[in-house]
Amino acid sequence: MSTTTSRYRFEFRIQDWAASWILRLTGTRAGFFVAFRTDGSVRRVYVASPERPFDGQQKAALGQEYRSWFLYLPYEDERGAYVEWLNLGRETVERWMGRELSPEDFIDVRTTGCRDGWPDSWRVIVG
């Protein structure tokens, strides 16, 4: 069981998208890493074996190799996951999800606060 650090709706939305996408692609829950070119197009997608998820060393090596990337690591429980990205544009996320992010997606679900815009770099445990 993981301890969630998620606070914003966009975190839940991108985790839901990632969980659905990898399930449709592979038929199982698996971690994946998407590496981008400097123009923002996808360069590579690495999919971890469900029996051997990415470990810290693999993630660090991939993270150092690319300037822009997205990482999704599902936890054993059906709902939890670790999500992280570096230099990931909002436009890419909106294209993936098939919808624009709205002001409501930036509302803090723990308080009534709100975030100013999309974070290009982020890490969160969504549970």
N, C-alpha and C. Protein backbone atom coordinates (compact mmCIF):
# COMPACT_ATOMS: atom_id res chain seq x y z
N MET A 1 0.84 -1.17 0.00
CA MET A 1 0.00 0.00 0.00
C MET A 1 0.89 1.24 0.00
N SER A 2 0.59 2.18 -0.84
CA SER A 2 1.39 3.39 -0.95
C SER A 2 0.74 4.55 -0.21
N THR A 3 1.56 5.51 0.14
CA THR A 3 1.07 6.74 0.73
C THR A 3 1.01 7.77 -0.37
N THR A 4 -0.16 8.28 -0.65
CA THR A 4 -0.34 9.21 -1.75
C THR A 4 0.26 10.58 -1.45
N THR A 5 0.81 11.19 -2.47
CA THR A 5 1.26 12.58 -2.37
C THR A 5 0.45 13.45 -3.32
N SER A 6 -0.51 12.84 -3.99
CA SER A 6 -1.30 13.58 -4.99
C SER A 6 -2.19 14.63 -4.34
N ARG A 7 -2.29 15.75 -5.03
CA ARG A 7 -3.08 16.87 -4.53
C ARG A 7 -3.98 17.48 -5.61
N TYR A 8 -3.62 17.32 -6.87
CA TYR A 8 -4.31 18.02 -7.95
C TYR A 8 -5.01 17.04 -8.88
N ARG A 9 -6.08 17.49 -9.46
CA ARG A 9 -6.86 16.63 -10.36
C ARG A 9 -6.05 16.20 -11.58
N PHE A 10 -5.17 17.08 -12.07
CA PHE A 10 -4.39 16.68 -13.25
C PHE A 10 -3.53 15.46 -12.95
N GLU A 11 -3.09 15.29 -11.71
CA GLU A 11 -2.29 14.11 -11.35
C GLU A 11 -3.13 12.84 -11.49
N PHE A 12 -4.36 12.89 -11.03
CA PHE A 12 -5.25 11.73 -11.15
C PHE A 12 -5.59 11.47 -12.62
N ARG A 13 -5.81 12.52 -13.37
CA ARG A 13 -6.17 12.36 -14.78
C ARG A 13 -5.04 11.73 -15.59
N ILE A 14 -3.82 12.17 -15.37
CA ILE A 14 -2.71 11.60 -16.14
C ILE A 14 -2.41 10.18 -15.69
N GLN A 15 -2.58 9.89 -14.41
CA GLN A 15 -2.39 8.52 -13.92
C GLN A 15 -3.46 7.61 -14.52
N ASP A 16 -4.71 8.06 -14.57
CA ASP A 16 -5.78 7.27 -15.19
C ASP A 16 -5.48 7.00 -16.66
N TRP A 17 -5.00 8.04 -17.37
CA TRP A 17 -4.67 7.86 -18.77
C TRP A 17 -3.55 6.82 -18.91
N ALA A 18 -2.48 6.96 -18.13
CA ALA A 18 -1.33 6.06 -18.24
C ALA A 18 -1.73 4.61 -17.94
N ALA A 19 -2.54 4.41 -16.90
CA ALA A 19 -2.98 3.05 -16.55
C ALA A 19 -3.81 2.44 -17.67
N SER A 20 -4.70 3.22 -18.26
CA SER A 20 -5.54 2.72 -19.36
C SER A 20 -4.73 2.46 -20.62
N TRP A 21 -3.82 3.38 -20.92
CA TRP A 21 -3.02 3.26 -22.15
C TRP A 21 -2.16 2.00 -22.13
N ILE A 22 -1.44 1.77 -21.04
CA ILE A 22 -0.56 0.61 -21.00
C ILE A 22 -1.36 -0.69 -20.96
N LEU A 23 -2.52 -0.67 -20.33
CA LEU A 23 -3.38 -1.85 -20.32
C LEU A 23 -3.88 -2.18 -21.73
N ARG A 24 -4.26 -1.15 -22.49
CA ARG A 24 -4.69 -1.38 -23.87
C ARG A 24 -3.52 -1.84 -24.74
N LEU A 25 -2.34 -1.31 -24.49
CA LEU A 25 -1.18 -1.64 -25.30
C LEU A 25 -0.66 -3.05 -25.02
N THR A 26 -0.59 -3.43 -23.75
CA THR A 26 0.06 -4.69 -23.39
C THR A 26 -0.89 -5.75 -22.85
N GLY A 27 -2.09 -5.35 -22.43
CA GLY A 27 -3.02 -6.30 -21.84
C GLY A 27 -2.76 -6.55 -20.37
N THR A 28 -1.81 -5.82 -19.79
CA THR A 28 -1.49 -5.99 -18.38
C THR A 28 -1.01 -4.66 -17.81
N ARG A 29 -0.96 -4.57 -16.50
CA ARG A 29 -0.41 -3.38 -15.84
C ARG A 29 1.10 -3.48 -15.88
N ALA A 30 1.74 -2.46 -16.40
CA ALA A 30 3.20 -2.46 -16.50
C ALA A 30 3.70 -1.02 -16.45
N GLY A 31 4.92 -0.88 -15.99
CA GLY A 31 5.55 0.43 -16.01
C GLY A 31 6.03 0.77 -17.40
N PHE A 32 6.11 2.07 -17.69
CA PHE A 32 6.66 2.47 -18.97
C PHE A 32 7.34 3.83 -18.85
N PHE A 33 8.24 4.07 -19.78
CA PHE A 33 9.04 5.29 -19.84
C PHE A 33 8.96 5.79 -21.27
N VAL A 34 8.56 7.04 -21.45
CA VAL A 34 8.49 7.65 -22.78
C VAL A 34 9.58 8.71 -22.88
N ALA A 35 10.44 8.59 -23.87
CA ALA A 35 11.51 9.56 -24.11
C ALA A 35 11.14 10.41 -25.31
N PHE A 36 11.43 11.71 -25.22
CA PHE A 36 11.07 12.65 -26.28
C PHE A 36 12.30 13.24 -26.95
N ARG A 37 12.14 13.60 -28.22
CA ARG A 37 13.16 14.36 -28.93
C ARG A 37 13.06 15.82 -28.52
N THR A 38 14.02 16.62 -28.93
CA THR A 38 14.01 18.03 -28.56
C THR A 38 12.81 18.77 -29.15
N ASP A 39 12.24 18.29 -30.26
CA ASP A 39 11.07 18.94 -30.84
C ASP A 39 9.76 18.51 -30.18
N GLY A 40 9.85 17.64 -29.16
CA GLY A 40 8.66 17.20 -28.43
C GLY A 40 8.02 15.93 -28.96
N SER A 41 8.51 15.41 -30.08
CA SER A 41 7.95 14.16 -30.60
C SER A 41 8.51 12.97 -29.80
N VAL A 42 7.77 11.88 -29.81
CA VAL A 42 8.19 10.69 -29.07
C VAL A 42 9.38 10.04 -29.78
N ARG A 43 10.42 9.79 -29.01
CA ARG A 43 11.60 9.12 -29.56
C ARG A 43 11.55 7.63 -29.29
N ARG A 44 11.28 7.26 -28.03
CA ARG A 44 11.24 5.85 -27.64
C ARG A 44 10.24 5.64 -26.53
N VAL A 45 9.68 4.43 -26.50
CA VAL A 45 8.84 4.01 -25.39
C VAL A 45 9.44 2.71 -24.87
N TYR A 46 9.78 2.70 -23.59
CA TYR A 46 10.32 1.52 -22.93
C TYR A 46 9.21 0.97 -22.05
N VAL A 47 8.91 -0.31 -22.19
CA VAL A 47 7.88 -0.95 -21.37
C VAL A 47 8.57 -2.02 -20.52
N ALA A 48 8.33 -1.92 -19.22
CA ALA A 48 8.92 -2.89 -18.29
C ALA A 48 8.10 -4.17 -18.28
N SER A 49 8.77 -5.27 -18.03
CA SER A 49 8.07 -6.53 -17.85
C SER A 49 7.26 -6.45 -16.54
N PRO A 50 6.02 -6.93 -16.53
CA PRO A 50 5.26 -6.91 -15.28
C PRO A 50 5.96 -7.67 -14.14
N GLU A 51 6.75 -8.66 -14.50
CA GLU A 51 7.48 -9.43 -13.50
C GLU A 51 8.74 -8.71 -13.02
N ARG A 52 9.25 -7.77 -13.82
CA ARG A 52 10.47 -7.03 -13.49
C ARG A 52 10.28 -5.55 -13.77
N PRO A 53 9.61 -4.84 -12.88
CA PRO A 53 9.38 -3.41 -13.11
C PRO A 53 10.69 -2.63 -13.09
N PHE A 54 10.65 -1.41 -13.62
CA PHE A 54 11.84 -0.56 -13.58
C PHE A 54 12.29 -0.39 -12.14
N ASP A 55 13.59 -0.45 -11.94
CA ASP A 55 14.11 -0.14 -10.61
C ASP A 55 14.73 1.25 -10.65
N GLY A 56 15.18 1.71 -9.51
CA GLY A 56 15.74 3.05 -9.42
C GLY A 56 16.93 3.28 -10.33
N GLN A 57 17.77 2.27 -10.48
CA GLN A 57 18.95 2.38 -11.32
C GLN A 57 18.57 2.52 -12.79
N GLN A 58 17.59 1.72 -13.25
CA GLN A 58 17.15 1.81 -14.63
C GLN A 58 16.50 3.16 -14.91
N LYS A 59 15.66 3.61 -14.00
CA LYS A 59 15.00 4.90 -14.15
C LYS A 59 16.03 6.02 -14.20
N ALA A 60 17.02 5.98 -13.33
CA ALA A 60 18.05 7.01 -13.31
C ALA A 60 18.84 7.02 -14.62
N ALA A 61 19.18 5.85 -15.14
CA ALA A 61 19.93 5.77 -16.39
C ALA A 61 19.12 6.34 -17.55
N LEU A 62 17.85 5.98 -17.64
CA LEU A 62 17.00 6.52 -18.70
C LEU A 62 16.81 8.02 -18.53
N GLY A 63 16.59 8.45 -17.30
CA GLY A 63 16.39 9.87 -17.03
C GLY A 63 17.60 10.72 -17.40
N GLN A 64 18.79 10.16 -17.27
CA GLN A 64 20.01 10.89 -17.64
C GLN A 64 20.24 10.90 -19.15
N GLU A 65 19.71 9.89 -19.82
CA GLU A 65 19.93 9.77 -21.27
C GLU A 65 19.08 10.76 -22.07
N TYR A 66 17.93 11.13 -21.53
CA TYR A 66 17.00 11.98 -22.27
C TYR A 66 16.73 13.29 -21.53
N ARG A 67 16.54 14.34 -22.29
CA ARG A 67 16.27 15.67 -21.72
C ARG A 67 14.81 15.84 -21.34
N SER A 68 13.94 15.07 -21.98
CA SER A 68 12.51 15.18 -21.75
C SER A 68 11.91 13.78 -21.70
N TRP A 69 11.11 13.49 -20.65
CA TRP A 69 10.58 12.14 -20.52
C TRP A 69 9.37 12.09 -19.58
N PHE A 70 8.68 10.92 -19.62
CA PHE A 70 7.53 10.62 -18.76
C PHE A 70 7.71 9.20 -18.24
N LEU A 71 7.42 9.00 -16.95
CA LEU A 71 7.55 7.68 -16.32
C LEU A 71 6.27 7.33 -15.58
N TYR A 72 5.81 6.09 -15.78
CA TYR A 72 4.65 5.57 -15.06
C TYR A 72 5.03 4.22 -14.45
N LEU A 73 4.86 4.08 -13.12
CA LEU A 73 5.15 2.82 -12.43
C LEU A 73 3.95 2.44 -11.58
N PRO A 74 3.19 1.44 -12.01
CA PRO A 74 2.03 1.04 -11.20
C PRO A 74 2.48 0.27 -9.96
N TYR A 75 1.74 0.44 -8.88
CA TYR A 75 1.98 -0.33 -7.67
C TYR A 75 1.16 -1.61 -7.73
N GLU A 76 1.44 -2.52 -6.82
CA GLU A 76 0.74 -3.80 -6.82
C GLU A 76 -0.75 -3.64 -6.59
N ASP A 77 -1.14 -2.67 -5.75
CA ASP A 77 -2.58 -2.46 -5.58
C ASP A 77 -3.12 -1.86 -6.88
N GLU A 78 -4.34 -2.11 -7.18
CA GLU A 78 -4.93 -1.74 -8.46
C GLU A 78 -4.98 -0.24 -8.72
N ARG A 79 -4.93 0.59 -7.71
CA ARG A 79 -5.14 2.01 -7.92
C ARG A 79 -3.88 2.86 -7.84
N GLY A 80 -2.88 2.42 -7.14
CA GLY A 80 -1.72 3.25 -6.89
C GLY A 80 -0.68 3.22 -8.00
N ALA A 81 0.04 4.35 -8.13
CA ALA A 81 1.12 4.42 -9.12
C ALA A 81 2.03 5.59 -8.78
N TYR A 82 3.26 5.47 -9.24
CA TYR A 82 4.21 6.56 -9.18
C TYR A 82 4.29 7.15 -10.58
N VAL A 83 4.18 8.46 -10.69
CA VAL A 83 4.23 9.14 -11.97
C VAL A 83 5.25 10.27 -11.86
N GLU A 84 6.10 10.38 -12.86
CA GLU A 84 7.10 11.43 -12.86
C GLU A 84 7.35 11.87 -14.30
N TRP A 85 7.67 13.15 -14.47
CA TRP A 85 8.05 13.63 -15.78
C TRP A 85 9.05 14.77 -15.66
N LEU A 86 9.76 14.97 -16.77
CA LEU A 86 10.74 16.05 -16.87
C LEU A 86 10.56 16.71 -18.23
N ASN A 87 10.36 18.01 -18.22
CA ASN A 87 10.20 18.79 -19.45
C ASN A 87 9.09 18.24 -20.35
N LEU A 88 7.98 17.88 -19.75
CA LEU A 88 6.83 17.37 -20.49
C LEU A 88 5.83 18.50 -20.67
N GLY A 89 5.52 18.82 -21.92
CA GLY A 89 4.62 19.93 -22.21
C GLY A 89 3.16 19.58 -21.99
N ARG A 90 2.42 20.57 -21.61
CA ARG A 90 0.97 20.43 -21.40
C ARG A 90 0.28 19.95 -22.68
N GLU A 91 0.73 20.46 -23.82
CA GLU A 91 0.11 20.07 -25.09
C GLU A 91 0.20 18.57 -25.33
N THR A 92 1.32 17.98 -24.96
CA THR A 92 1.50 16.53 -25.11
C THR A 92 0.51 15.78 -24.24
N VAL A 93 0.38 16.20 -22.99
CA VAL A 93 -0.53 15.54 -22.06
C VAL A 93 -1.98 15.67 -22.55
N GLU A 94 -2.34 16.83 -23.02
CA GLU A 94 -3.70 17.04 -23.52
C GLU A 94 -3.96 16.17 -24.76
N ARG A 95 -2.97 16.03 -25.62
CA ARG A 95 -3.10 15.16 -26.79
C ARG A 95 -3.29 13.71 -26.35
N TRP A 96 -2.48 13.26 -25.39
CA TRP A 96 -2.59 11.90 -24.88
C TRP A 96 -3.98 11.63 -24.32
N MET A 97 -4.47 12.57 -23.51
CA MET A 97 -5.76 12.37 -22.84
C MET A 97 -6.95 12.63 -23.75
N GLY A 98 -6.72 13.30 -24.87
CA GLY A 98 -7.82 13.60 -25.78
C GLY A 98 -8.73 14.69 -25.26
N ARG A 99 -8.20 15.55 -24.40
CA ARG A 99 -8.99 16.65 -23.83
C ARG A 99 -8.05 17.70 -23.31
N GLU A 100 -8.54 18.93 -23.27
CA GLU A 100 -7.76 20.00 -22.69
C GLU A 100 -7.88 19.96 -21.17
N LEU A 101 -6.84 20.35 -20.51
CA LEU A 101 -6.91 20.52 -19.06
C LEU A 101 -7.67 21.81 -18.78
N SER A 102 -8.54 21.76 -17.81
CA SER A 102 -9.35 22.92 -17.47
C SER A 102 -8.86 23.53 -16.14
N PRO A 103 -9.29 24.71 -15.80
CA PRO A 103 -8.90 25.30 -14.52
C PRO A 103 -9.22 24.39 -13.33
N GLU A 104 -10.28 23.60 -13.42
CA GLU A 104 -10.64 22.68 -12.34
C GLU A 104 -9.60 21.59 -12.13
N ASP A 105 -8.83 21.28 -13.17
CA ASP A 105 -7.79 20.25 -13.05
C ASP A 105 -6.62 20.70 -12.19
N PHE A 106 -6.55 21.98 -11.90
CA PHE A 106 -5.45 22.53 -11.11
C PHE A 106 -5.88 22.89 -9.69
N ILE A 107 -7.08 22.47 -9.32
CA ILE A 107 -7.57 22.70 -7.96
C ILE A 107 -6.95 21.67 -7.03
N ASP A 108 -6.49 22.12 -5.88
CA ASP A 108 -5.93 21.25 -4.86
C ASP A 108 -7.08 20.51 -4.19
N VAL A 109 -7.09 19.18 -4.28
CA VAL A 109 -8.20 18.40 -3.75
C VAL A 109 -8.18 18.33 -2.22
N ARG A 110 -7.07 18.73 -1.61
CA ARG A 110 -6.97 18.70 -0.15
C ARG A 110 -7.40 20.02 0.49
N THR A 111 -7.35 21.07 -0.28
CA THR A 111 -7.73 22.40 0.21
C THR A 111 -8.58 23.07 -0.86
N THR A 112 -8.79 24.32 -0.74
CA THR A 112 -9.49 25.05 -1.79
C THR A 112 -8.51 25.81 -2.67
N GLY A 113 -7.22 25.53 -2.48
CA GLY A 113 -6.19 26.22 -3.26
C GLY A 113 -6.17 25.79 -4.71
N CYS A 114 -5.35 26.46 -5.47
CA CYS A 114 -5.25 26.19 -6.89
C CYS A 114 -3.81 26.44 -7.33
N ARG A 115 -3.36 25.70 -8.32
CA ARG A 115 -2.02 25.84 -8.89
C ARG A 115 -2.05 26.73 -10.10
N ASP A 116 -1.00 27.47 -10.32
CA ASP A 116 -0.89 28.30 -11.52
C ASP A 116 -0.27 27.50 -12.65
N GLY A 117 -1.07 26.88 -13.45
CA GLY A 117 -0.60 26.23 -14.67
C GLY A 117 0.07 24.88 -14.52
N TRP A 118 0.45 24.38 -15.67
CA TRP A 118 1.03 23.05 -15.82
C TRP A 118 2.49 23.02 -15.37
N PRO A 119 2.87 22.04 -14.56
CA PRO A 119 4.29 21.91 -14.18
C PRO A 119 5.04 21.09 -15.23
N ASP A 120 6.07 21.66 -15.81
CA ASP A 120 6.85 20.94 -16.82
C ASP A 120 7.59 19.74 -16.23
N SER A 121 7.91 19.80 -14.94
CA SER A 121 8.58 18.69 -14.27
C SER A 121 7.82 18.40 -12.97
N TRP A 122 7.65 17.08 -12.67
CA TRP A 122 6.78 16.72 -11.56
C TRP A 122 7.04 15.29 -11.15
N ARG A 123 6.75 14.98 -9.89
CA ARG A 123 6.75 13.58 -9.41
C ARG A 123 5.67 13.46 -8.36
N VAL A 124 4.95 12.34 -8.39
CA VAL A 124 3.82 12.18 -7.49
C VAL A 124 3.48 10.70 -7.32
N ILE A 125 2.99 10.36 -6.13
CA ILE A 125 2.42 9.05 -5.88
C ILE A 125 0.92 9.24 -5.88
N VAL A 126 0.24 8.61 -6.81
CA VAL A 126 -1.21 8.73 -6.92
C VAL A 126 -1.82 7.46 -6.35
N GLY A 127 -2.71 7.62 -5.40
CA GLY A 127 -3.30 6.44 -4.78
C GLY A 127 -4.78 6.48 -4.68
